[in-house]
Each structure stands twice: as structure tokens, then as C-alpha cells.
N, C-alpha and C. Protein backbone atom coordinates (compact mmCIF):
# COMPACT_ATOMS: atom_id res chain seq x y z
N MET A 1 -42.42 24.94 101.30
CA MET A 1 -40.81 25.08 100.74
C MET A 1 -40.34 25.80 99.89
N SER A 2 -40.94 26.77 99.32
CA SER A 2 -40.46 27.40 98.20
C SER A 2 -39.07 28.01 98.15
N ASP A 3 -38.65 27.99 99.70
CA ASP A 3 -37.26 28.51 99.63
C ASP A 3 -35.89 27.66 99.45
N ILE A 4 -36.58 26.70 98.79
CA ILE A 4 -35.48 25.75 98.27
C ILE A 4 -35.55 25.41 97.01
N GLU A 5 -34.40 25.88 95.73
CA GLU A 5 -34.10 25.85 94.62
C GLU A 5 -33.83 24.44 94.36
N VAL A 6 -34.69 23.54 93.85
CA VAL A 6 -34.52 22.37 93.42
C VAL A 6 -33.84 22.41 91.97
N ARG A 7 -32.66 21.91 91.41
CA ARG A 7 -32.52 22.24 90.00
C ARG A 7 -32.90 20.76 89.21
N GLY A 8 -33.05 19.42 90.15
CA GLY A 8 -33.43 18.08 88.97
C GLY A 8 -33.28 17.04 89.84
N LEU A 9 -33.63 16.08 89.63
CA LEU A 9 -33.44 14.96 90.11
C LEU A 9 -32.12 14.26 90.43
N ALA A 10 -31.30 14.18 91.54
CA ALA A 10 -29.96 13.70 91.35
C ALA A 10 -29.82 11.62 91.13
N HIS A 11 -30.63 11.36 91.78
CA HIS A 11 -30.78 9.88 91.18
C HIS A 11 -31.85 9.37 92.07
N ILE A 12 -32.04 8.21 91.71
CA ILE A 12 -33.13 6.81 92.24
C ILE A 12 -32.57 6.11 93.11
N GLY A 13 -32.73 5.68 94.45
CA GLY A 13 -31.97 4.50 94.98
C GLY A 13 -32.74 3.31 95.05
N ILE A 14 -31.99 2.27 94.67
CA ILE A 14 -32.82 1.08 94.52
C ILE A 14 -31.87 -0.04 95.24
N PRO A 15 -31.99 -0.62 96.41
CA PRO A 15 -31.72 -1.55 97.04
C PRO A 15 -31.55 -2.89 96.11
N THR A 16 -30.59 -3.81 96.17
CA THR A 16 -30.61 -5.05 95.54
C THR A 16 -29.74 -5.87 96.48
N SER A 17 -30.33 -7.28 96.01
CA SER A 17 -29.88 -8.24 96.97
C SER A 17 -28.33 -8.85 96.09
N ASP A 18 -28.53 -8.84 94.64
CA ASP A 18 -27.59 -9.21 93.84
C ASP A 18 -27.24 -8.34 92.66
N LEU A 19 -26.21 -7.56 93.08
CA LEU A 19 -25.78 -6.52 92.54
C LEU A 19 -25.26 -7.01 90.97
N LYS A 20 -24.53 -8.18 90.80
CA LYS A 20 -24.32 -8.31 89.25
C LYS A 20 -25.48 -8.57 88.42
N LYS A 21 -26.44 -9.33 88.71
CA LYS A 21 -27.89 -9.63 88.35
C LYS A 21 -28.35 -7.86 88.06
N SER A 22 -28.33 -7.25 88.74
CA SER A 22 -28.94 -5.65 88.64
C SER A 22 -28.29 -5.09 87.48
N ILE A 23 -27.11 -5.20 87.58
CA ILE A 23 -26.24 -4.22 86.58
C ILE A 23 -26.66 -4.92 85.29
N ALA A 24 -26.73 -5.95 85.39
CA ALA A 24 -26.87 -6.65 83.86
C ALA A 24 -28.32 -6.38 83.59
N PHE A 25 -28.96 -6.19 83.89
CA PHE A 25 -30.50 -5.77 83.64
C PHE A 25 -30.64 -4.35 83.45
N TYR A 26 -29.81 -3.44 84.14
CA TYR A 26 -30.06 -2.11 83.63
C TYR A 26 -29.31 -1.91 82.49
N ARG A 27 -28.28 -2.48 82.41
CA ARG A 27 -27.45 -2.47 81.06
C ARG A 27 -28.10 -2.97 79.94
N ASN A 28 -29.08 -3.65 79.91
CA ASN A 28 -30.15 -4.17 79.05
C ASN A 28 -31.06 -3.01 78.61
N LEU A 29 -31.24 -2.18 79.42
CA LEU A 29 -32.08 -0.98 79.44
C LEU A 29 -31.33 0.18 78.89
N GLY A 30 -29.96 -0.10 78.19
CA GLY A 30 -29.13 1.16 78.30
C GLY A 30 -28.45 1.90 79.32
N PHE A 31 -28.64 1.36 80.31
CA PHE A 31 -27.62 1.99 81.29
C PHE A 31 -26.16 1.95 81.43
N ARG A 32 -25.44 2.49 82.06
CA ARG A 32 -24.15 2.33 81.80
C ARG A 32 -23.45 2.45 83.50
N VAL A 33 -22.41 2.14 83.88
CA VAL A 33 -21.99 2.07 85.41
C VAL A 33 -21.09 3.64 85.60
N ILE A 34 -21.34 4.33 86.04
CA ILE A 34 -20.40 5.57 86.11
C ILE A 34 -19.76 6.07 87.64
N VAL A 35 -20.19 4.86 88.71
CA VAL A 35 -19.46 5.12 89.99
C VAL A 35 -19.57 3.77 90.36
N ASP A 36 -18.29 3.19 90.70
CA ASP A 36 -18.53 1.86 91.86
C ASP A 36 -17.48 2.27 92.61
N GLU A 37 -18.23 2.10 94.10
CA GLU A 37 -17.59 2.55 95.39
C GLU A 37 -17.99 1.35 96.26
N LYS A 38 -17.30 0.67 96.79
CA LYS A 38 -17.21 0.03 97.77
C LYS A 38 -16.82 0.32 99.21
N GLY A 39 -17.89 0.23 100.27
CA GLY A 39 -17.65 0.46 101.41
C GLY A 39 -18.32 1.56 101.72
N MET A 40 -19.19 2.25 100.77
CA MET A 40 -20.16 3.49 100.94
C MET A 40 -21.22 3.19 102.12
N GLU A 41 -21.40 3.87 103.06
CA GLU A 41 -22.41 3.78 103.83
C GLU A 41 -22.95 2.31 104.48
N GLY A 42 -22.02 1.24 104.27
CA GLY A 42 -21.77 -0.42 104.17
C GLY A 42 -22.50 -1.14 103.41
N ASN A 43 -22.50 0.16 102.12
CA ASN A 43 -22.87 -0.89 100.74
C ASN A 43 -21.79 -0.85 99.66
N HIS A 44 -21.56 -1.81 98.64
CA HIS A 44 -21.21 -1.50 97.43
C HIS A 44 -22.49 -0.97 96.95
N PHE A 45 -21.68 0.33 96.34
CA PHE A 45 -22.56 1.34 95.21
C PHE A 45 -22.15 1.20 94.15
N ILE A 46 -23.29 1.07 93.44
CA ILE A 46 -23.04 1.09 91.69
C ILE A 46 -24.30 2.52 91.34
N PHE A 47 -23.48 3.76 90.75
CA PHE A 47 -24.54 4.15 90.21
C PHE A 47 -24.44 4.07 89.04
N MET A 48 -25.56 4.28 88.02
CA MET A 48 -25.61 4.09 86.45
C MET A 48 -26.38 4.87 85.85
N GLU A 49 -25.82 5.45 84.82
CA GLU A 49 -26.88 6.68 83.82
C GLU A 49 -27.10 6.39 82.60
N CYS A 50 -28.48 6.79 82.12
CA CYS A 50 -28.96 6.48 80.99
C CYS A 50 -29.79 7.62 80.57
N SER A 51 -29.41 8.43 79.93
CA SER A 51 -29.93 9.59 79.06
C SER A 51 -30.55 10.35 80.22
N GLY A 52 -29.44 11.03 80.92
CA GLY A 52 -29.34 11.70 81.86
C GLY A 52 -30.06 11.09 83.35
N VAL A 53 -30.50 10.02 83.53
CA VAL A 53 -31.36 9.41 84.44
C VAL A 53 -30.17 8.92 85.37
N VAL A 54 -30.15 8.96 86.77
CA VAL A 54 -29.08 8.09 87.09
C VAL A 54 -30.02 7.55 88.60
N ILE A 55 -29.50 5.96 88.87
CA ILE A 55 -29.88 5.15 89.32
C ILE A 55 -28.80 4.87 90.36
N GLY A 56 -29.17 4.67 91.67
CA GLY A 56 -28.21 4.09 92.80
C GLY A 56 -28.57 2.97 93.46
N LEU A 57 -27.37 1.92 93.03
CA LEU A 57 -27.67 0.35 93.42
C LEU A 57 -27.08 -0.13 94.61
N PRO A 58 -27.54 0.43 95.71
CA PRO A 58 -26.74 0.09 97.05
C PRO A 58 -26.87 -1.81 97.28
N GLN A 59 -25.69 -2.38 97.51
CA GLN A 59 -26.17 -3.78 97.90
C GLN A 59 -25.19 -3.69 99.35
N PRO A 60 -26.04 -4.22 100.32
CA PRO A 60 -25.40 -4.26 101.65
C PRO A 60 -24.19 -5.06 101.90
N LEU A 61 -23.39 -4.53 102.44
CA LEU A 61 -21.71 -5.36 102.52
C LEU A 61 -21.88 -6.67 103.48
N ASP A 62 -23.17 -6.28 104.40
CA ASP A 62 -23.74 -7.38 105.24
C ASP A 62 -24.50 -8.10 104.61
N GLU A 63 -24.02 -9.64 104.58
CA GLU A 63 -25.50 -10.68 103.96
C GLU A 63 -26.44 -10.71 104.39
N THR A 64 -26.85 -10.55 105.87
CA THR A 64 -27.98 -10.61 106.35
C THR A 64 -28.84 -9.43 105.79
N ALA A 65 -28.36 -8.31 106.02
CA ALA A 65 -28.98 -6.86 105.36
C ALA A 65 -29.36 -7.27 104.02
N ARG A 66 -28.32 -7.79 103.22
CA ARG A 66 -28.58 -8.03 101.74
C ARG A 66 -29.81 -8.87 101.55
N GLY A 67 -30.07 -9.68 102.00
CA GLY A 67 -31.06 -10.90 102.42
C GLY A 67 -32.44 -9.97 102.16
N ARG A 68 -32.66 -9.06 102.78
CA ARG A 68 -33.49 -8.06 103.30
C ARG A 68 -34.06 -7.16 102.07
N ALA A 69 -32.88 -7.15 100.96
CA ALA A 69 -33.32 -6.09 99.75
C ALA A 69 -34.48 -6.38 99.00
N GLY A 70 -35.40 -5.71 98.82
CA GLY A 70 -36.31 -6.23 97.68
C GLY A 70 -37.59 -6.64 98.62
N THR A 71 -37.31 -6.75 99.84
CA THR A 71 -38.49 -7.30 100.73
C THR A 71 -39.49 -6.41 101.13
N LYS A 72 -39.76 -5.18 101.05
CA LYS A 72 -40.62 -3.83 101.02
C LYS A 72 -42.01 -4.09 100.41
N GLY A 73 -42.30 -5.32 99.66
CA GLY A 73 -43.46 -4.92 99.22
C GLY A 73 -43.31 -4.84 97.71
N ASP A 74 -44.45 -4.43 96.70
CA ASP A 74 -44.25 -4.29 95.55
C ASP A 74 -43.34 -3.13 95.56
N GLY A 75 -42.53 -2.86 94.68
CA GLY A 75 -41.23 -1.80 94.35
C GLY A 75 -40.35 -2.02 95.63
N ASN A 76 -39.23 -1.15 95.43
CA ASN A 76 -38.29 -1.60 96.21
C ASN A 76 -37.59 0.10 96.34
N ILE A 77 -38.04 0.82 95.85
CA ILE A 77 -37.34 2.46 95.59
C ILE A 77 -36.95 2.70 96.94
N ASP A 78 -35.76 3.02 97.53
CA ASP A 78 -35.63 3.41 99.22
C ASP A 78 -35.39 4.85 99.21
N HIS A 79 -35.21 5.94 98.35
CA HIS A 79 -35.44 7.21 98.31
C HIS A 79 -35.28 7.84 96.91
N PHE A 80 -35.55 9.28 97.04
CA PHE A 80 -35.15 9.84 95.42
C PHE A 80 -34.42 10.98 95.80
N ALA A 81 -33.45 11.84 95.21
CA ALA A 81 -32.50 12.68 95.57
C ALA A 81 -32.81 13.47 94.79
N LEU A 82 -32.76 14.88 95.31
CA LEU A 82 -32.90 16.03 94.56
C LEU A 82 -31.69 17.13 94.35
N LEU A 83 -31.12 17.68 93.43
CA LEU A 83 -30.30 18.44 93.25
C LEU A 83 -30.13 20.01 93.88
N VAL A 84 -29.40 20.27 94.73
CA VAL A 84 -29.53 21.51 94.93
C VAL A 84 -28.59 22.41 94.76
N ASP A 85 -28.48 23.87 94.70
CA ASP A 85 -27.06 24.69 94.74
C ASP A 85 -26.26 24.63 95.66
N ASP A 86 -27.34 25.35 97.11
CA ASP A 86 -26.74 25.03 98.45
C ASP A 86 -26.99 24.46 99.27
N LEU A 87 -26.71 23.15 99.83
CA LEU A 87 -26.95 22.33 100.87
C LEU A 87 -27.04 22.86 102.18
N ASP A 88 -26.32 23.99 102.35
CA ASP A 88 -26.19 24.77 103.75
C ASP A 88 -27.65 25.47 103.85
N LYS A 89 -27.95 26.26 103.08
CA LYS A 89 -29.07 26.86 102.99
C LYS A 89 -30.67 26.09 102.89
N THR A 90 -30.57 25.01 102.04
CA THR A 90 -31.48 24.19 102.31
C THR A 90 -31.47 23.39 103.54
N LYS A 91 -30.34 22.80 103.93
CA LYS A 91 -30.66 22.08 105.19
C LYS A 91 -31.13 23.53 106.61
N GLU A 92 -30.80 24.70 106.53
CA GLU A 92 -31.33 25.51 107.28
C GLU A 92 -32.81 25.84 107.06
N VAL A 93 -33.16 25.84 105.75
CA VAL A 93 -34.52 26.04 105.44
C VAL A 93 -35.41 24.72 105.84
N LEU A 94 -35.18 23.43 105.91
CA LEU A 94 -35.91 22.57 105.91
C LEU A 94 -35.71 22.71 107.63
N GLU A 95 -34.83 22.80 108.61
CA GLU A 95 -34.84 22.74 110.01
C GLU A 95 -36.07 23.72 110.48
N GLU A 96 -35.93 24.72 109.83
CA GLU A 96 -36.86 26.11 110.32
C GLU A 96 -38.27 25.62 110.24
N LYS A 97 -38.42 24.82 109.20
CA LYS A 97 -39.78 24.15 108.71
C LYS A 97 -40.29 23.03 109.60
N GLY A 98 -39.13 22.63 110.58
CA GLY A 98 -39.50 21.22 111.48
C GLY A 98 -39.53 19.92 110.65
N VAL A 99 -38.84 19.81 109.35
CA VAL A 99 -38.82 18.47 108.81
C VAL A 99 -38.23 17.73 109.37
N PRO A 100 -38.26 16.28 109.48
CA PRO A 100 -37.73 15.60 110.49
C PRO A 100 -36.63 15.03 109.48
N PHE A 101 -35.36 14.77 109.84
CA PHE A 101 -34.23 14.33 109.27
C PHE A 101 -34.07 12.81 109.42
N ALA A 102 -33.43 12.13 108.34
CA ALA A 102 -33.50 11.06 108.47
C ALA A 102 -31.70 10.44 108.82
N THR A 103 -30.95 11.47 108.86
CA THR A 103 -29.41 11.28 108.56
C THR A 103 -29.21 12.61 109.61
N GLU A 104 -28.18 12.55 110.46
CA GLU A 104 -27.53 13.55 111.28
C GLU A 104 -26.65 14.10 110.44
N GLY A 105 -26.84 15.77 110.57
CA GLY A 105 -25.74 16.24 109.93
C GLY A 105 -25.43 16.15 108.09
N ILE A 106 -24.41 16.61 107.59
CA ILE A 106 -24.12 16.65 106.25
C ILE A 106 -23.07 15.51 105.84
N SER A 107 -23.49 14.79 104.88
CA SER A 107 -22.62 13.73 104.57
C SER A 107 -21.78 14.37 103.46
N VAL A 108 -20.35 13.54 103.35
CA VAL A 108 -19.62 14.19 102.28
C VAL A 108 -19.18 12.55 101.69
N THR A 109 -19.30 12.69 100.41
CA THR A 109 -18.69 11.27 99.69
C THR A 109 -17.72 11.76 98.80
N GLU A 110 -16.68 10.88 98.65
CA GLU A 110 -15.67 10.83 97.50
C GLU A 110 -16.22 10.11 96.43
N ALA A 111 -17.05 9.37 96.35
CA ALA A 111 -17.69 8.44 95.11
C ALA A 111 -17.54 9.29 93.78
N TRP A 112 -18.17 10.45 94.01
CA TRP A 112 -17.83 11.25 92.56
C TRP A 112 -16.89 11.90 92.14
N ARG A 113 -15.69 11.52 92.54
CA ARG A 113 -14.69 12.51 92.63
C ARG A 113 -14.52 12.55 90.82
N PRO A 114 -13.67 13.90 90.56
CA PRO A 114 -13.28 14.81 91.23
C PRO A 114 -14.48 15.77 91.63
N LYS A 115 -15.47 15.65 91.64
CA LYS A 115 -16.94 16.27 91.71
C LYS A 115 -16.85 16.16 93.30
N SER A 116 -17.50 17.15 94.30
CA SER A 116 -17.36 17.19 95.44
C SER A 116 -18.98 16.81 95.66
N CYS A 117 -19.33 15.85 96.51
CA CYS A 117 -20.78 15.33 96.67
C CYS A 117 -21.27 15.79 98.08
N ARG A 118 -22.12 16.44 98.61
CA ARG A 118 -22.39 16.87 99.93
C ARG A 118 -24.10 16.57 99.95
N CYS A 119 -24.32 15.91 101.20
CA CYS A 119 -26.09 15.43 101.12
C CYS A 119 -26.72 15.17 102.44
N ILE A 120 -28.05 15.44 102.62
CA ILE A 120 -28.51 15.25 103.73
C ILE A 120 -29.94 14.54 103.41
N MET A 121 -30.48 13.47 104.28
CA MET A 121 -31.82 12.76 103.81
C MET A 121 -32.82 13.39 104.96
N VAL A 122 -33.75 13.57 104.51
CA VAL A 122 -35.20 13.87 105.44
C VAL A 122 -36.19 12.59 104.93
N TYR A 123 -37.15 12.83 106.23
CA TYR A 123 -38.42 12.11 105.72
C TYR A 123 -39.51 12.97 105.33
N GLY A 124 -40.12 12.62 103.88
CA GLY A 124 -41.59 12.86 103.84
C GLY A 124 -42.40 12.16 104.50
N PRO A 125 -43.75 12.41 103.86
CA PRO A 125 -44.83 11.84 104.36
C PRO A 125 -45.04 10.00 104.18
N ASP A 126 -45.26 9.44 104.97
CA ASP A 126 -45.36 7.72 105.14
C ASP A 126 -43.57 7.73 104.92
N ARG A 127 -42.95 8.56 105.58
CA ARG A 127 -41.54 8.59 105.83
C ARG A 127 -40.69 7.65 104.35
N VAL A 128 -40.99 8.33 103.54
CA VAL A 128 -40.59 7.93 102.41
C VAL A 128 -39.18 9.13 102.61
N LYS A 129 -37.93 8.55 102.13
CA LYS A 129 -36.83 9.41 102.04
C LYS A 129 -36.64 10.18 101.08
N ILE A 130 -35.96 11.62 101.42
CA ILE A 130 -35.74 12.67 100.45
C ILE A 130 -34.62 12.84 100.54
N GLU A 131 -33.68 12.81 99.53
CA GLU A 131 -32.21 13.16 99.70
C GLU A 131 -31.75 14.64 98.94
N PHE A 132 -31.37 15.58 99.56
CA PHE A 132 -30.76 16.67 98.97
C PHE A 132 -29.35 16.70 99.05
N VAL A 133 -28.96 16.87 97.57
CA VAL A 133 -27.64 16.87 96.77
C VAL A 133 -27.19 17.89 96.29
N GLU A 134 -25.71 18.19 96.98
CA GLU A 134 -25.13 19.48 96.31
C GLU A 134 -23.82 18.92 95.57
N MET A 135 -23.76 19.19 94.06
CA MET A 135 -22.41 18.70 93.54
C MET A 135 -21.80 19.71 92.73
N LYS A 136 -20.43 19.65 93.34
CA LYS A 136 -20.02 20.77 92.75
C LYS A 136 -18.25 20.67 91.96
């Protein structure tokens, strides 16, 4: 995949069943809320940052789904996200290489306004989800 130019880690997604508890925990580690977006992909999403590290804390709006957060075994990281400059080129390269996509097409979110955020999600080995994010 050397045709893809990764610029860095965009964020780490950590599903939560108790958003208030998670926010308090990460605040105690020095993180601060930078995005609070309700209804994004069926979740209340909080993004927090500390020293350039960004974590995403999605809490499902559906209470049944919320109860399953944290039940994947040891650890509960849903995906990691990599920054790229050209998402269209990245998507094209991934398609050419036959990488399986976890989502259809390119997603756009307004959560990072005034920045534009476009992303795609693929599966890596063991179905680990990897998101490619273009922020402009």
C-alpha cells in the first residue's frame, strides 16, 4: 500500500456505554472535549484531545446497542483512523488492491466544522476496522 500517503493518526474510536463516565475518566488524564455531536452514525459522539492524541467516544443512541459497548473482551477499541491528504486517491488504491470495505462510499460529517471531514472505512486482518480520514 505504498501508494497511500498516511500523514498520521486521526483518532482512536473507543465505544462507550456511559459517556459521562468516559468523559470524566479521560478528563482526569488531561483530555478535553473538542467535538460534541449527537446523532452521528446513530451515536452521541464525543471527541477528546490531549497533546495531539484524539480519541472518539461513540455512545449508541439505541439503549440495547449501548449495553453491548465494552463487551468485546479485553479492550474495546473499535477502529483506528489514519489521516490522508487525498481520500479519492486512497479509495481508488484500496479498491485496486482488493481491500474489503467496511462502509459503502465516502462518508462526510459536519462534526468538525468549519473543517471538512471525509472518510472511508476498510477491514484489515482479523476484521480490524481502519478508517482513512481527509480533513481540510
